[in-house]
Amino acid sequence: MRGRKRSLKGYPPCDRCGSSADVVAYGKRVNKHGSKQTYFCRSCAHKFTPDDGFKGRRFPSEVIRATINLTQKGLTLKQVTKHIKNEFGIGVSESTVLDWINAYTTGKE
């Protein structure tokens, strides 16, 4: 079993070279809001976290999704921030909520 490629387990392709045959799990990236699986590409020696649509965001994707849903239901920015604080225990500023709305909505409702 030593020579078996671990990419058969459905690991994502490398975001630098595109190889999927030489990608292996490589620990977790942790911040104060949670952790994400990281991977290592043996072809180009690149460590990466796959893009889940929220790459580079500090807050968990569940918080961002809930924020977008609440604003689409008609809540004000202040109401949304209070709800997120009560529901998730995370303080989010109104300007951050507005940034997420601008980044993840197309203006079509």
C-alpha atoms as a PDB file:
ATOM      1  CA  MET A   1       0.000   0.000   0.000  1.00  0.00           C
ATOM      2  CA  ARG A   2       2.967   2.342   0.326  1.00  0.00           C
ATOM      3  CA  GLY A   3       3.143   3.315  -3.335  1.00  0.00           C
ATOM      4  CA  ARG A   4      -0.581   3.892  -3.739  1.00  0.00           C
ATOM      5  CA  LYS A   5      -1.704   7.363  -4.805  1.00  0.00           C
ATOM      6  CA  ARG A   6      -3.937   8.954  -2.185  1.00  0.00           C
ATOM      7  CA  SER A   7      -5.668  11.177  -4.730  1.00  0.00           C
ATOM      8  CA  LEU A   8      -8.059   8.292  -5.358  1.00  0.00           C
ATOM      9  CA  LYS A   9      -9.909   9.485  -2.254  1.00  0.00           C
ATOM     10  CA  GLY A  10     -11.255  12.497  -4.104  1.00  0.00           C
ATOM     11  CA  TYR A  11      -8.681  15.098  -3.172  1.00  0.00           C
ATOM     12  CA  PRO A  12      -8.966  18.329  -5.150  1.00  0.00           C
ATOM     13  CA  PRO A  13      -6.509  19.127  -7.941  1.00  0.00           C
ATOM     14  CA  CYS A  14      -3.619  21.460  -7.211  1.00  0.00           C
ATOM     15  CA  ASP A  15      -4.586  25.092  -7.813  1.00  0.00           C
ATOM     16  CA  ARG A  16      -1.099  25.862  -9.132  1.00  0.00           C
ATOM     17  CA  CYS A  17      -0.192  23.014 -11.535  1.00  0.00           C
ATOM     18  CA  GLY A  18      -3.556  21.229 -11.901  1.00  0.00           C
ATOM     19  CA  SER A  19      -2.179  17.815 -10.933  1.00  0.00           C
ATOM     20  CA  SER A  20      -4.566  15.562  -9.065  1.00  0.00           C
ATOM     21  CA  ALA A  21      -2.473  12.387  -9.010  1.00  0.00           C
ATOM     22  CA  ASP A  22       0.137  13.699  -6.567  1.00  0.00           C
ATOM     23  CA  VAL A  23      -2.085  15.547  -4.069  1.00  0.00           C
ATOM     24  CA  VAL A  24      -2.144  14.358  -0.449  1.00  0.00           C
ATOM     25  CA  ALA A  25      -3.846  15.592   2.715  1.00  0.00           C
ATOM     26  CA  TYR A  26      -1.463  17.846   4.650  1.00  0.00           C
ATOM     27  CA  GLY A  27      -3.053  18.793   7.957  1.00  0.00           C
ATOM     28  CA  LYS A  28      -5.484  21.552   8.787  1.00  0.00           C
ATOM     29  CA  ARG A  29      -5.366  25.332   8.693  1.00  0.00           C
ATOM     30  CA  VAL A  30      -6.825  26.720  11.907  1.00  0.00           C
ATOM     31  CA  ASN A  31      -8.057  30.163  12.831  1.00  0.00           C
ATOM     32  CA  LYS A  32     -10.268  31.348  15.680  1.00  0.00           C
ATOM     33  CA  HIS A  33     -13.457  30.483  13.761  1.00  0.00           C
ATOM     34  CA  GLY A  34     -12.612  26.907  12.758  1.00  0.00           C
ATOM     35  CA  SER A  35     -10.371  24.747  10.631  1.00  0.00           C
ATOM     36  CA  LYS A  36     -10.064  23.698   6.989  1.00  0.00           C
ATOM     37  CA  GLN A  37      -8.273  20.753   5.431  1.00  0.00           C
ATOM     38  CA  THR A  38      -5.063  21.654   3.596  1.00  0.00           C
ATOM     39  CA  TYR A  39      -3.385  19.651   0.852  1.00  0.00           C
ATOM     40  CA  PHE A  40       0.108  19.263  -0.561  1.00  0.00           C
ATOM     41  CA  CYS A  41       0.972  18.722  -4.229  1.00  0.00           C
ATOM     42  CA  ARG A  42       4.019  16.524  -4.609  1.00  0.00           C
ATOM     43  CA  SER A  43       4.421  17.574  -8.248  1.00  0.00           C
ATOM     44  CA  CYS A  44       5.091  21.262  -7.610  1.00  0.00           C
ATOM     45  CA  ALA A  45       5.621  21.258  -3.808  1.00  0.00           C
ATOM     46  CA  HIS A  46       2.676  23.636  -3.254  1.00  0.00           C
ATOM     47  CA  LYS A  47       0.580  23.657  -0.066  1.00  0.00           C
ATOM     48  CA  PHE A  48      -2.995  24.820  -0.659  1.00  0.00           C
ATOM     49  CA  THR A  49      -6.529  25.001   0.658  1.00  0.00           C
ATOM     50  CA  PRO A  50      -9.178  24.405  -2.007  1.00  0.00           C
ATOM     51  CA  ASP A  51     -11.419  27.299  -3.002  1.00  0.00           C
ATOM     52  CA  ASP A  52     -14.922  26.801  -1.614  1.00  0.00           C
ATOM     53  CA  GLY A  53     -16.202  30.102  -2.954  1.00  0.00           C
ATOM     54  CA  PHE A  54     -15.127  31.909   0.204  1.00  0.00           C
ATOM     55  CA  LYS A  55     -11.353  31.777  -0.209  1.00  0.00           C
ATOM     56  CA  GLY A  56      -9.550  34.521   1.663  1.00  0.00           C
ATOM     57  CA  ARG A  57     -12.474  35.238   3.963  1.00  0.00           C
ATOM     58  CA  ARG A  58     -11.874  35.366   7.688  1.00  0.00           C
ATOM     59  CA  PHE A  59     -15.340  34.267   8.749  1.00  0.00           C
ATOM     60  CA  PRO A  60     -16.859  30.801   8.223  1.00  0.00           C
ATOM     61  CA  SER A  61     -18.909  30.249   5.083  1.00  0.00           C
ATOM     62  CA  GLU A  62     -21.995  29.444   7.208  1.00  0.00           C
ATOM     63  CA  VAL A  63     -21.907  32.944   8.717  1.00  0.00           C
ATOM     64  CA  ILE A  64     -21.576  34.595   5.303  1.00  0.00           C
ATOM     65  CA  ARG A  65     -24.408  32.499   3.853  1.00  0.00           C
ATOM     66  CA  ALA A  66     -26.671  33.300   6.820  1.00  0.00           C
ATOM     67  CA  THR A  67     -25.863  36.994   6.464  1.00  0.00           C
ATOM     68  CA  ILE A  68     -26.760  37.024   2.771  1.00  0.00           C
ATOM     69  CA  ASN A  69     -29.999  35.126   3.446  1.00  0.00           C
ATOM     70  CA  LEU A  70     -31.022  37.534   6.193  1.00  0.00           C
ATOM     71  CA  THR A  71     -30.409  40.605   4.068  1.00  0.00           C
ATOM     72  CA  GLN A  72     -32.392  39.083   1.209  1.00  0.00           C
ATOM     73  CA  LYS A  73     -35.282  38.556   3.635  1.00  0.00           C
ATOM     74  CA  GLY A  74     -35.317  42.307   4.224  1.00  0.00           C
ATOM     75  CA  LEU A  75     -33.488  42.738   7.544  1.00  0.00           C
ATOM     76  CA  THR A  76     -31.440  45.894   8.026  1.00  0.00           C
ATOM     77  CA  LEU A  77     -27.671  45.769   8.449  1.00  0.00           C
ATOM     78  CA  LYS A  78     -27.990  46.439  12.184  1.00  0.00           C
ATOM     79  CA  GLN A  79     -30.562  43.654  12.584  1.00  0.00           C
ATOM     80  CA  VAL A  80     -28.334  41.248  10.662  1.00  0.00           C
ATOM     81  CA  THR A  81     -25.276  41.995  12.815  1.00  0.00           C
ATOM     82  CA  LYS A  82     -27.306  41.480  16.002  1.00  0.00           C
ATOM     83  CA  HIS A  83     -28.712  38.199  14.689  1.00  0.00           C
ATOM     84  CA  ILE A  84     -25.249  36.907  13.723  1.00  0.00           C
ATOM     85  CA  LYS A  85     -23.917  37.861  17.170  1.00  0.00           C
ATOM     86  CA  ASN A  86     -26.780  36.013  18.897  1.00  0.00           C
ATOM     87  CA  GLU A  87     -26.791  32.975  16.594  1.00  0.00           C
ATOM     88  CA  PHE A  88     -23.067  32.385  16.030  1.00  0.00           C
ATOM     89  CA  GLY A  89     -21.432  34.400  18.809  1.00  0.00           C
ATOM     90  CA  ILE A  90     -19.380  36.318  16.243  1.00  0.00           C
ATOM     91  CA  GLY A  91     -19.246  40.098  16.090  1.00  0.00           C
ATOM     92  CA  VAL A  92     -19.508  41.300  12.490  1.00  0.00           C
ATOM     93  CA  SER A  93     -19.511  44.964  11.552  1.00  0.00           C
ATOM     94  CA  GLU A  94     -22.139  46.496   9.299  1.00  0.00           C
ATOM     95  CA  SER A  95     -19.455  47.406   6.761  1.00  0.00           C
ATOM     96  CA  THR A  96     -18.372  43.758   6.563  1.00  0.00           C
ATOM     97  CA  VAL A  97     -21.970  42.700   5.944  1.00  0.00           C
ATOM     98  CA  LEU A  98     -22.212  45.298   3.186  1.00  0.00           C
ATOM     99  CA  ASP A  99     -18.961  44.018   1.649  1.00  0.00           C
ATOM    100  CA  TRP A 100     -20.369  40.472   1.606  1.00  0.00           C
ATOM    101  CA  ILE A 101     -23.609  41.651   0.016  1.00  0.00           C
ATOM    102  CA  ASN A 102     -21.671  43.419  -2.728  1.00  0.00           C
ATOM    103  CA  ALA A 103     -19.351  40.442  -3.277  1.00  0.00           C
ATOM    104  CA  TYR A 104     -21.902  37.611  -3.268  1.00  0.00           C
ATOM    105  CA  THR A 105     -25.115  39.015  -4.690  1.00  0.00           C
ATOM    106  CA  THR A 106     -25.717  39.952  -8.275  1.00  0.00           C
ATOM    107  CA  GLY A 107     -28.405  42.546  -7.669  1.00  0.00           C
ATOM    108  CA  LYS A 108     -31.118  40.213  -8.970  1.00  0.00           C
ATOM    109  CA  GLU A 109     -33.610  39.267  -6.302  1.00  0.00           C
END
